Amino acid sequence: MMALTFSLKKTPSQPLDCSQLTANGLAGLSLVQMKNLPLAKSNLKVADFFEISGDDAQCIIFTNSTSQLHYIGHKMTGGIITIDGDAGDYLGAKMQNGTILCHGNAGNRVGDQMRRGLILVDGNVGNYCASRMIAGTIGVFGQVGAYLGFAMKRGTILLTQTPKLHATIQSCGKHTLPFLALLFKSFCALQTKFSEIQSQRVERFAGDLACGGKGEILVMSPTEK
């Protein structure tokens, strides 16, 4: 079997809703049915914008992706999604399991209400990353926007750059965390910049304290990436 690949044929002039393009959303569908799935409230369909190849819905690839592709990985329950390009808003929103790898930038609300799984973004992300996060892991190699971890209940955010944080996210100081060696070793099989990291030294932030404070943000030392 080969990865199910959605190759964008042209840049959309309006946002597209890609929420159904997950392993669970495509389960049992024929190629014709996939092509006829709606991508917006209008009559736009998958075939209007994507060439489809491959047949393994557990391994989905978006090529030539742009920031107009919203809700990639929405409510996904398993499998792996790789984005060769940028992603729009709500990447991995309400995600329940699986892995998302974004090789470009992502928009606002990455991992919103995420319950489980892994999201790794090689580029930058917009505002409200990990908002209302319940569990899981999100890594951002580039910069993050405002209100990181807003109302997050649990979960882990991995960063390589110190963000500007709101008042209910508090520093717990710098620590050496040996478990990170195992975590980063698990990334070695993935095509992501995070597979290059070997640091165990981080500054840890707890929050959102307004929602119990069980979430954490780990900022790796730039000199030890």
C-alpha atoms as a PDB file:
ATOM      1  CA  MET A   1       0.000   0.000   0.000  1.00  0.00           C
ATOM      2  CA  MET A   2       1.101   3.572  -0.685  1.00  0.00           C
ATOM      3  CA  ALA A   3       0.356   6.711   1.296  1.00  0.00           C
ATOM      4  CA  LEU A   4      -2.917   8.388   0.372  1.00  0.00           C
ATOM      5  CA  THR A   5      -1.700  11.666  -1.110  1.00  0.00           C
ATOM      6  CA  PHE A   6      -3.697  14.843  -1.710  1.00  0.00           C
ATOM      7  CA  SER A   7      -1.743  17.108  -4.088  1.00  0.00           C
ATOM      8  CA  LEU A   8      -3.110  20.642  -4.284  1.00  0.00           C
ATOM      9  CA  LYS A   9      -3.606  21.612  -7.947  1.00  0.00           C
ATOM     10  CA  LYS A  10      -4.175  25.351  -7.446  1.00  0.00           C
ATOM     11  CA  THR A  11      -4.138  27.903  -4.665  1.00  0.00           C
ATOM     12  CA  PRO A  12      -7.654  28.250  -3.249  1.00  0.00           C
ATOM     13  CA  SER A  13      -9.234  31.707  -3.303  1.00  0.00           C
ATOM     14  CA  GLN A  14     -11.182  30.864  -0.147  1.00  0.00           C
ATOM     15  CA  PRO A  15     -10.614  28.727   2.968  1.00  0.00           C
ATOM     16  CA  LEU A  16     -11.193  25.009   2.522  1.00  0.00           C
ATOM     17  CA  ASP A  17     -12.498  22.706   5.260  1.00  0.00           C
ATOM     18  CA  CYS A  18     -10.301  19.589   5.244  1.00  0.00           C
ATOM     19  CA  SER A  19     -11.796  18.060   8.383  1.00  0.00           C
ATOM     20  CA  GLN A  20     -13.019  14.918   6.611  1.00  0.00           C
ATOM     21  CA  LEU A  21      -9.602  14.080   5.155  1.00  0.00           C
ATOM     22  CA  THR A  22      -8.475  11.850   8.015  1.00  0.00           C
ATOM     23  CA  ALA A  23      -8.145   8.077   8.358  1.00  0.00           C
ATOM     24  CA  ASN A  24     -11.424   7.857  10.274  1.00  0.00           C
ATOM     25  CA  GLY A  25     -13.181  10.320   7.968  1.00  0.00           C
ATOM     26  CA  LEU A  26     -12.175   8.399   4.830  1.00  0.00           C
ATOM     27  CA  ALA A  27     -12.646   4.874   6.155  1.00  0.00           C
ATOM     28  CA  GLY A  28     -14.583   2.696   3.725  1.00  0.00           C
ATOM     29  CA  LEU A  29     -14.815   5.341   1.002  1.00  0.00           C
ATOM     30  CA  SER A  30     -14.001   4.648  -2.631  1.00  0.00           C
ATOM     31  CA  LEU A  31     -11.796   6.983  -4.671  1.00  0.00           C
ATOM     32  CA  VAL A  32     -14.886   8.442  -6.349  1.00  0.00           C
ATOM     33  CA  GLN A  33     -16.506   9.120  -2.999  1.00  0.00           C
ATOM     34  CA  MET A  34     -13.338  10.834  -1.746  1.00  0.00           C
ATOM     35  CA  LYS A  35     -13.266  13.089  -4.791  1.00  0.00           C
ATOM     36  CA  ASN A  36     -16.864  14.151  -4.153  1.00  0.00           C
ATOM     37  CA  LEU A  37     -16.405  15.107  -0.495  1.00  0.00           C
ATOM     38  CA  PRO A  38     -17.300  18.777   0.156  1.00  0.00           C
ATOM     39  CA  LEU A  39     -14.554  21.228   1.165  1.00  0.00           C
ATOM     40  CA  ALA A  40     -16.694  24.270   1.916  1.00  0.00           C
ATOM     41  CA  LYS A  41     -20.300  25.348   2.417  1.00  0.00           C
ATOM     42  CA  SER A  42     -20.482  25.936  -1.325  1.00  0.00           C
ATOM     43  CA  ASN A  43     -20.357  23.205  -3.986  1.00  0.00           C
ATOM     44  CA  LEU A  44     -16.556  22.922  -3.912  1.00  0.00           C
ATOM     45  CA  LYS A  45     -15.342  19.332  -3.717  1.00  0.00           C
ATOM     46  CA  VAL A  46     -12.031  17.546  -3.149  1.00  0.00           C
ATOM     47  CA  ALA A  47     -11.625  16.853  -6.894  1.00  0.00           C
ATOM     48  CA  ASP A  48     -11.831  20.590  -7.644  1.00  0.00           C
ATOM     49  CA  PHE A  49      -8.561  21.202  -5.825  1.00  0.00           C
ATOM     50  CA  PHE A  50      -6.684  17.941  -5.273  1.00  0.00           C
ATOM     51  CA  GLU A  51      -5.161  15.150  -7.303  1.00  0.00           C
ATOM     52  CA  ILE A  52      -5.458  11.938  -5.281  1.00  0.00           C
ATOM     53  CA  SER A  53      -3.018   9.039  -5.396  1.00  0.00           C
ATOM     54  CA  GLY A  54      -2.238   6.072  -3.164  1.00  0.00           C
ATOM     55  CA  ASP A  55      -4.571   3.991  -1.049  1.00  0.00           C
ATOM     56  CA  ASP A  56      -3.333   3.893   2.572  1.00  0.00           C
ATOM     57  CA  ALA A  57      -5.623   6.202   4.572  1.00  0.00           C
ATOM     58  CA  GLN A  58      -3.608   5.491   7.723  1.00  0.00           C
ATOM     59  CA  CYS A  59      -0.766   7.450   6.132  1.00  0.00           C
ATOM     60  CA  ILE A  60      -2.046  10.689   4.549  1.00  0.00           C
ATOM     61  CA  ILE A  61       0.146  13.281   2.822  1.00  0.00           C
ATOM     62  CA  PHE A  62      -0.793  16.814   1.734  1.00  0.00           C
ATOM     63  CA  THR A  63       1.560  18.248  -0.900  1.00  0.00           C
ATOM     64  CA  ASN A  64       1.759  21.881  -2.120  1.00  0.00           C
ATOM     65  CA  SER A  65      -0.298  22.716   0.967  1.00  0.00           C
ATOM     66  CA  THR A  66      -1.174  26.330   1.812  1.00  0.00           C
ATOM     67  CA  SER A  67      -2.594  28.276   4.755  1.00  0.00           C
ATOM     68  CA  GLN A  68      -6.032  28.085   3.123  1.00  0.00           C
ATOM     69  CA  LEU A  69      -6.352  24.448   4.181  1.00  0.00           C
ATOM     70  CA  HIS A  70      -8.094  24.565   7.560  1.00  0.00           C
ATOM     71  CA  TYR A  71      -9.060  21.818  10.023  1.00  0.00           C
ATOM     72  CA  ILE A  72      -6.463  19.310   8.809  1.00  0.00           C
ATOM     73  CA  GLY A  73      -6.507  16.394  11.256  1.00  0.00           C
ATOM     74  CA  HIS A  74      -9.727  17.539  12.906  1.00  0.00           C
ATOM     75  CA  LYS A  75     -11.022  14.851  15.305  1.00  0.00           C
ATOM     76  CA  MET A  76      -8.581  12.291  13.883  1.00  0.00           C
ATOM     77  CA  THR A  77      -8.439   9.067  15.895  1.00  0.00           C
ATOM     78  CA  GLY A  78      -5.277   7.483  14.487  1.00  0.00           C
ATOM     79  CA  GLY A  79      -2.772   7.257  11.657  1.00  0.00           C
ATOM     80  CA  ILE A  80      -0.265   9.858  10.528  1.00  0.00           C
ATOM     81  CA  ILE A  81      -0.771  13.023   8.476  1.00  0.00           C
ATOM     82  CA  THR A  82       2.223  14.723   6.844  1.00  0.00           C
ATOM     83  CA  ILE A  83       1.901  18.256   5.453  1.00  0.00           C
ATOM     84  CA  ASP A  84       4.508  19.266   2.882  1.00  0.00           C
ATOM     85  CA  GLY A  85       3.846  22.986   3.071  1.00  0.00           C
ATOM     86  CA  ASP A  86       1.750  25.239   5.278  1.00  0.00           C
ATOM     87  CA  ALA A  87      -1.463  24.508   7.135  1.00  0.00           C
ATOM     88  CA  GLY A  88      -4.344  26.802   8.045  1.00  0.00           C
ATOM     89  CA  ASP A  89      -6.237  27.281  11.302  1.00  0.00           C
ATOM     90  CA  TYR A  90      -7.331  24.534  13.712  1.00  0.00           C
ATOM     91  CA  LEU A  91      -4.627  22.041  12.739  1.00  0.00           C
ATOM     92  CA  GLY A  92      -5.291  18.933  14.846  1.00  0.00           C
ATOM     93  CA  ALA A  93      -8.281  20.514  16.588  1.00  0.00           C
ATOM     94  CA  LYS A  94     -10.158  18.034  18.824  1.00  0.00           C
ATOM     95  CA  MET A  95      -7.564  15.421  17.832  1.00  0.00           C
ATOM     96  CA  GLN A  96      -8.040  12.148  19.712  1.00  0.00           C
ATOM     97  CA  ASN A  97      -4.951  10.176  18.647  1.00  0.00           C
ATOM     98  CA  GLY A  98      -2.367   9.813  15.889  1.00  0.00           C
ATOM     99  CA  THR A  99       0.453  12.009  14.584  1.00  0.00           C
ATOM    100  CA  ILE A 100       0.549  15.204  12.511  1.00  0.00           C
ATOM    101  CA  LEU A 101       3.808  16.449  10.981  1.00  0.00           C
ATOM    102  CA  CYS A 102       3.761  19.928   9.408  1.00  0.00           C
ATOM    103  CA  HIS A 103       6.915  20.887   7.512  1.00  0.00           C
ATOM    104  CA  GLY A 104       5.843  24.519   7.081  1.00  0.00           C
ATOM    105  CA  ASN A 105       3.904  27.040   9.160  1.00  0.00           C
ATOM    106  CA  ALA A 106       0.463  26.617  10.716  1.00  0.00           C
ATOM    107  CA  GLY A 107      -2.282  29.113  11.535  1.00  0.00           C
ATOM    108  CA  ASN A 108      -4.252  29.877  14.677  1.00  0.00           C
ATOM    109  CA  ARG A 109      -5.641  27.401  17.227  1.00  0.00           C
ATOM    110  CA  VAL A 110      -3.223  24.530  16.553  1.00  0.00           C
ATOM    111  CA  GLY A 111      -4.354  21.609  18.737  1.00  0.00           C
ATOM    112  CA  ASP A 112      -7.462  23.379  20.012  1.00  0.00           C
ATOM    113  CA  GLN A 113      -9.239  21.021  22.463  1.00  0.00           C
ATOM    114  CA  MET A 114      -6.732  18.296  21.583  1.00  0.00           C
ATOM    115  CA  ARG A 115      -7.299  15.153  23.673  1.00  0.00           C
ATOM    116  CA  ARG A 116      -4.395  12.899  22.703  1.00  0.00           C
ATOM    117  CA  GLY A 117      -1.722  12.409  20.036  1.00  0.00           C
ATOM    118  CA  LEU A 118       1.277  14.282  18.656  1.00  0.00           C
ATOM    119  CA  ILE A 119       1.564  17.439  16.533  1.00  0.00           C
ATOM    120  CA  LEU A 120       5.007  18.637  15.383  1.00  0.00           C
ATOM    121  CA  VAL A 121       5.336  21.869  13.386  1.00  0.00           C
ATOM    122  CA  ASP A 122       8.720  22.673  11.840  1.00  0.00           C
ATOM    123  CA  GLY A 123       7.821  26.319  11.178  1.00  0.00           C
ATOM    124  CA  ASN A 124       5.835  28.979  13.038  1.00  0.00           C
ATOM    125  CA  VAL A 125       2.291  28.877  14.402  1.00  0.00           C
ATOM    126  CA  GLY A 126      -0.319  31.580  14.978  1.00  0.00           C
ATOM    127  CA  ASN A 127      -2.267  32.658  18.040  1.00  0.00           C
ATOM    128  CA  TYR A 128      -3.935  30.445  20.658  1.00  0.00           C
ATOM    129  CA  CYS A 129      -1.758  27.398  20.007  1.00  0.00           C
ATOM    130  CA  ALA A 130      -2.868  24.559  22.341  1.00  0.00           C
ATOM    131  CA  SER A 131      -5.931  26.527  23.429  1.00  0.00           C
ATOM    132  CA  ARG A 132      -8.249  24.460  25.644  1.00  0.00           C
ATOM    133  CA  MET A 133      -5.856  21.517  25.275  1.00  0.00           C
ATOM    134  CA  ILE A 134      -6.905  18.472  27.308  1.00  0.00           C
ATOM    135  CA  ALA A 135      -3.914  16.143  26.709  1.00  0.00           C
ATOM    136  CA  GLY A 136      -1.287  15.189  24.130  1.00  0.00           C
ATOM    137  CA  THR A 137       1.946  16.757  22.871  1.00  0.00           C
ATOM    138  CA  ILE A 138       2.496  19.738  20.565  1.00  0.00           C
ATOM    139  CA  GLY A 139       5.952  20.787  19.346  1.00  0.00           C
ATOM    140  CA  VAL A 140       6.698  24.057  17.540  1.00  0.00           C
ATOM    141  CA  PHE A 141      10.225  24.514  16.213  1.00  0.00           C
ATOM    142  CA  GLY A 142       9.679  28.117  15.118  1.00  0.00           C
ATOM    143  CA  GLN A 143       7.871  31.039  16.714  1.00  0.00           C
ATOM    144  CA  VAL A 144       4.465  30.990  18.385  1.00  0.00           C
ATOM    145  CA  GLY A 145       1.811  33.701  18.426  1.00  0.00           C
ATOM    146  CA  ALA A 146      -0.060  35.224  21.358  1.00  0.00           C
ATOM    147  CA  TYR A 147      -2.013  33.379  24.075  1.00  0.00           C
ATOM    148  CA  LEU A 148      -0.058  30.128  23.911  1.00  0.00           C
ATOM    149  CA  GLY A 149      -1.725  27.455  26.054  1.00  0.00           C
ATOM    150  CA  PHE A 150      -4.798  29.586  26.760  1.00  0.00           C
ATOM    151  CA  ALA A 151      -7.174  27.602  29.015  1.00  0.00           C
ATOM    152  CA  MET A 152      -5.160  24.402  28.552  1.00  0.00           C
ATOM    153  CA  LYS A 153      -5.981  21.766  31.182  1.00  0.00           C
ATOM    154  CA  ARG A 154      -3.184  19.235  30.633  1.00  0.00           C
ATOM    155  CA  GLY A 155      -0.696  18.274  27.943  1.00  0.00           C
ATOM    156  CA  THR A 156       2.847  19.209  26.918  1.00  0.00           C
ATOM    157  CA  ILE A 157       4.065  21.948  24.567  1.00  0.00           C
ATOM    158  CA  LEU A 158       7.659  21.724  23.269  1.00  0.00           C
ATOM    159  CA  LEU A 159       9.348  24.908  22.050  1.00  0.00           C
ATOM    160  CA  THR A 160      12.802  25.987  20.917  1.00  0.00           C
ATOM    161  CA  GLN A 161      12.162  29.710  21.440  1.00  0.00           C
ATOM    162  CA  THR A 162      10.928  31.470  24.563  1.00  0.00           C
ATOM    163  CA  PRO A 163       7.424  32.824  23.887  1.00  0.00           C
ATOM    164  CA  LYS A 164       5.565  35.789  25.301  1.00  0.00           C
ATOM    165  CA  LEU A 165       3.187  34.226  27.819  1.00  0.00           C
ATOM    166  CA  HIS A 166       0.020  35.493  29.481  1.00  0.00           C
ATOM    167  CA  ALA A 167      -0.216  35.972  33.241  1.00  0.00           C
ATOM    168  CA  THR A 168      -1.639  32.556  34.145  1.00  0.00           C
ATOM    169  CA  ILE A 169       1.336  30.678  32.672  1.00  0.00           C
ATOM    170  CA  GLN A 170       4.130  30.678  35.260  1.00  0.00           C
ATOM    171  CA  SER A 171       7.822  29.727  35.112  1.00  0.00           C
ATOM    172  CA  CYS A 172       8.958  26.804  37.278  1.00  0.00           C
ATOM    173  CA  GLY A 173      12.657  27.388  36.587  1.00  0.00           C
ATOM    174  CA  LYS A 174      15.217  25.441  34.560  1.00  0.00           C
ATOM    175  CA  HIS A 175      15.522  21.678  34.861  1.00  0.00           C
ATOM    176  CA  THR A 176      17.265  18.663  33.365  1.00  0.00           C
ATOM    177  CA  LEU A 177      14.569  16.155  32.430  1.00  0.00           C
ATOM    178  CA  PRO A 178      16.002  12.721  31.523  1.00  0.00           C
ATOM    179  CA  PHE A 179      12.678  11.485  30.100  1.00  0.00           C
ATOM    180  CA  LEU A 180      13.216  13.853  27.168  1.00  0.00           C
ATOM    181  CA  ALA A 181      15.952  11.533  25.885  1.00  0.00           C
ATOM    182  CA  LEU A 182      13.318   8.841  25.358  1.00  0.00           C
ATOM    183  CA  LEU A 183      10.829  11.299  23.881  1.00  0.00           C
ATOM    184  CA  PHE A 184      13.280  12.689  21.333  1.00  0.00           C
ATOM    185  CA  LYS A 185      14.497   9.192  20.493  1.00  0.00           C
ATOM    186  CA  SER A 186      10.917   8.349  19.525  1.00  0.00           C
ATOM    187  CA  PHE A 187      11.020  11.271  17.072  1.00  0.00           C
ATOM    188  CA  CYS A 188      14.044   9.878  15.183  1.00  0.00           C
ATOM    189  CA  ALA A 189      11.862   7.815  12.855  1.00  0.00           C
ATOM    190  CA  LEU A 190       9.816  10.897  11.911  1.00  0.00           C
ATOM    191  CA  GLN A 191      10.619  13.439   9.201  1.00  0.00           C
ATOM    192  CA  THR A 192      10.750  16.516  11.420  1.00  0.00           C
ATOM    193  CA  LYS A 193      13.273  19.003  12.745  1.00  0.00           C
ATOM    194  CA  PHE A 194      12.518  17.679  16.216  1.00  0.00           C
ATOM    195  CA  SER A 195      14.384  14.476  15.336  1.00  0.00           C
ATOM    196  CA  GLU A 196      17.612  16.532  15.517  1.00  0.00           C
ATOM    197  CA  ILE A 197      17.135  17.596  19.159  1.00  0.00           C
ATOM    198  CA  GLN A 198      19.076  15.908  21.942  1.00  0.00           C
ATOM    199  CA  SER A 199      18.700  18.462  24.755  1.00  0.00           C
ATOM    200  CA  GLN A 200      17.408  17.450  28.170  1.00  0.00           C
ATOM    201  CA  ARG A 201      17.782  20.945  29.636  1.00  0.00           C
ATOM    202  CA  VAL A 202      14.621  23.058  29.564  1.00  0.00           C
ATOM    203  CA  GLU A 203      12.850  25.931  31.194  1.00  0.00           C
ATOM    204  CA  ARG A 204       9.505  24.628  32.398  1.00  0.00           C
ATOM    205  CA  PHE A 205       6.310  26.665  32.595  1.00  0.00           C
ATOM    206  CA  ALA A 206       3.110  25.486  34.288  1.00  0.00           C
ATOM    207  CA  GLY A 207      -0.366  26.458  33.216  1.00  0.00           C
ATOM    208  CA  ASP A 208      -2.923  27.490  32.466  1.00  0.00           C
ATOM    209  CA  LEU A 209      -3.183  28.168  36.231  1.00  0.00           C
ATOM    210  CA  ALA A 210      -6.723  29.421  35.685  1.00  0.00           C
ATOM    211  CA  CYS A 211      -7.641  25.877  34.613  1.00  0.00           C
ATOM    212  CA  GLY A 212      -5.798  23.788  37.200  1.00  0.00           C
ATOM    213  CA  GLY A 213      -2.215  24.344  36.084  1.00  0.00           C
ATOM    214  CA  LYS A 214      -1.551  20.727  35.035  1.00  0.00           C
ATOM    215  CA  GLY A 215      -0.359  21.663  31.552  1.00  0.00           C
ATOM    216  CA  GLU A 216       3.295  22.324  30.831  1.00  0.00           C
ATOM    217  CA  ILE A 217       5.430  24.271  28.363  1.00  0.00           C
ATOM    218  CA  LEU A 218       9.027  23.112  27.925  1.00  0.00           C
ATOM    219  CA  VAL A 219      11.444  25.544  26.267  1.00  0.00           C
ATOM    220  CA  MET A 220      14.673  23.865  25.242  1.00  0.00           C
ATOM    221  CA  SER A 221      17.963  25.663  25.637  1.00  0.00           C
ATOM    222  CA  PRO A 222      18.953  27.075  22.203  1.00  0.00           C
ATOM    223  CA  THR A 223      22.590  26.109  22.852  1.00  0.00           C
ATOM    224  CA  GLU A 224      21.663  22.476  23.390  1.00  0.00           C
ATOM    225  CA  LYS A 225      19.323  21.767  20.463  1.00  0.00           C
END
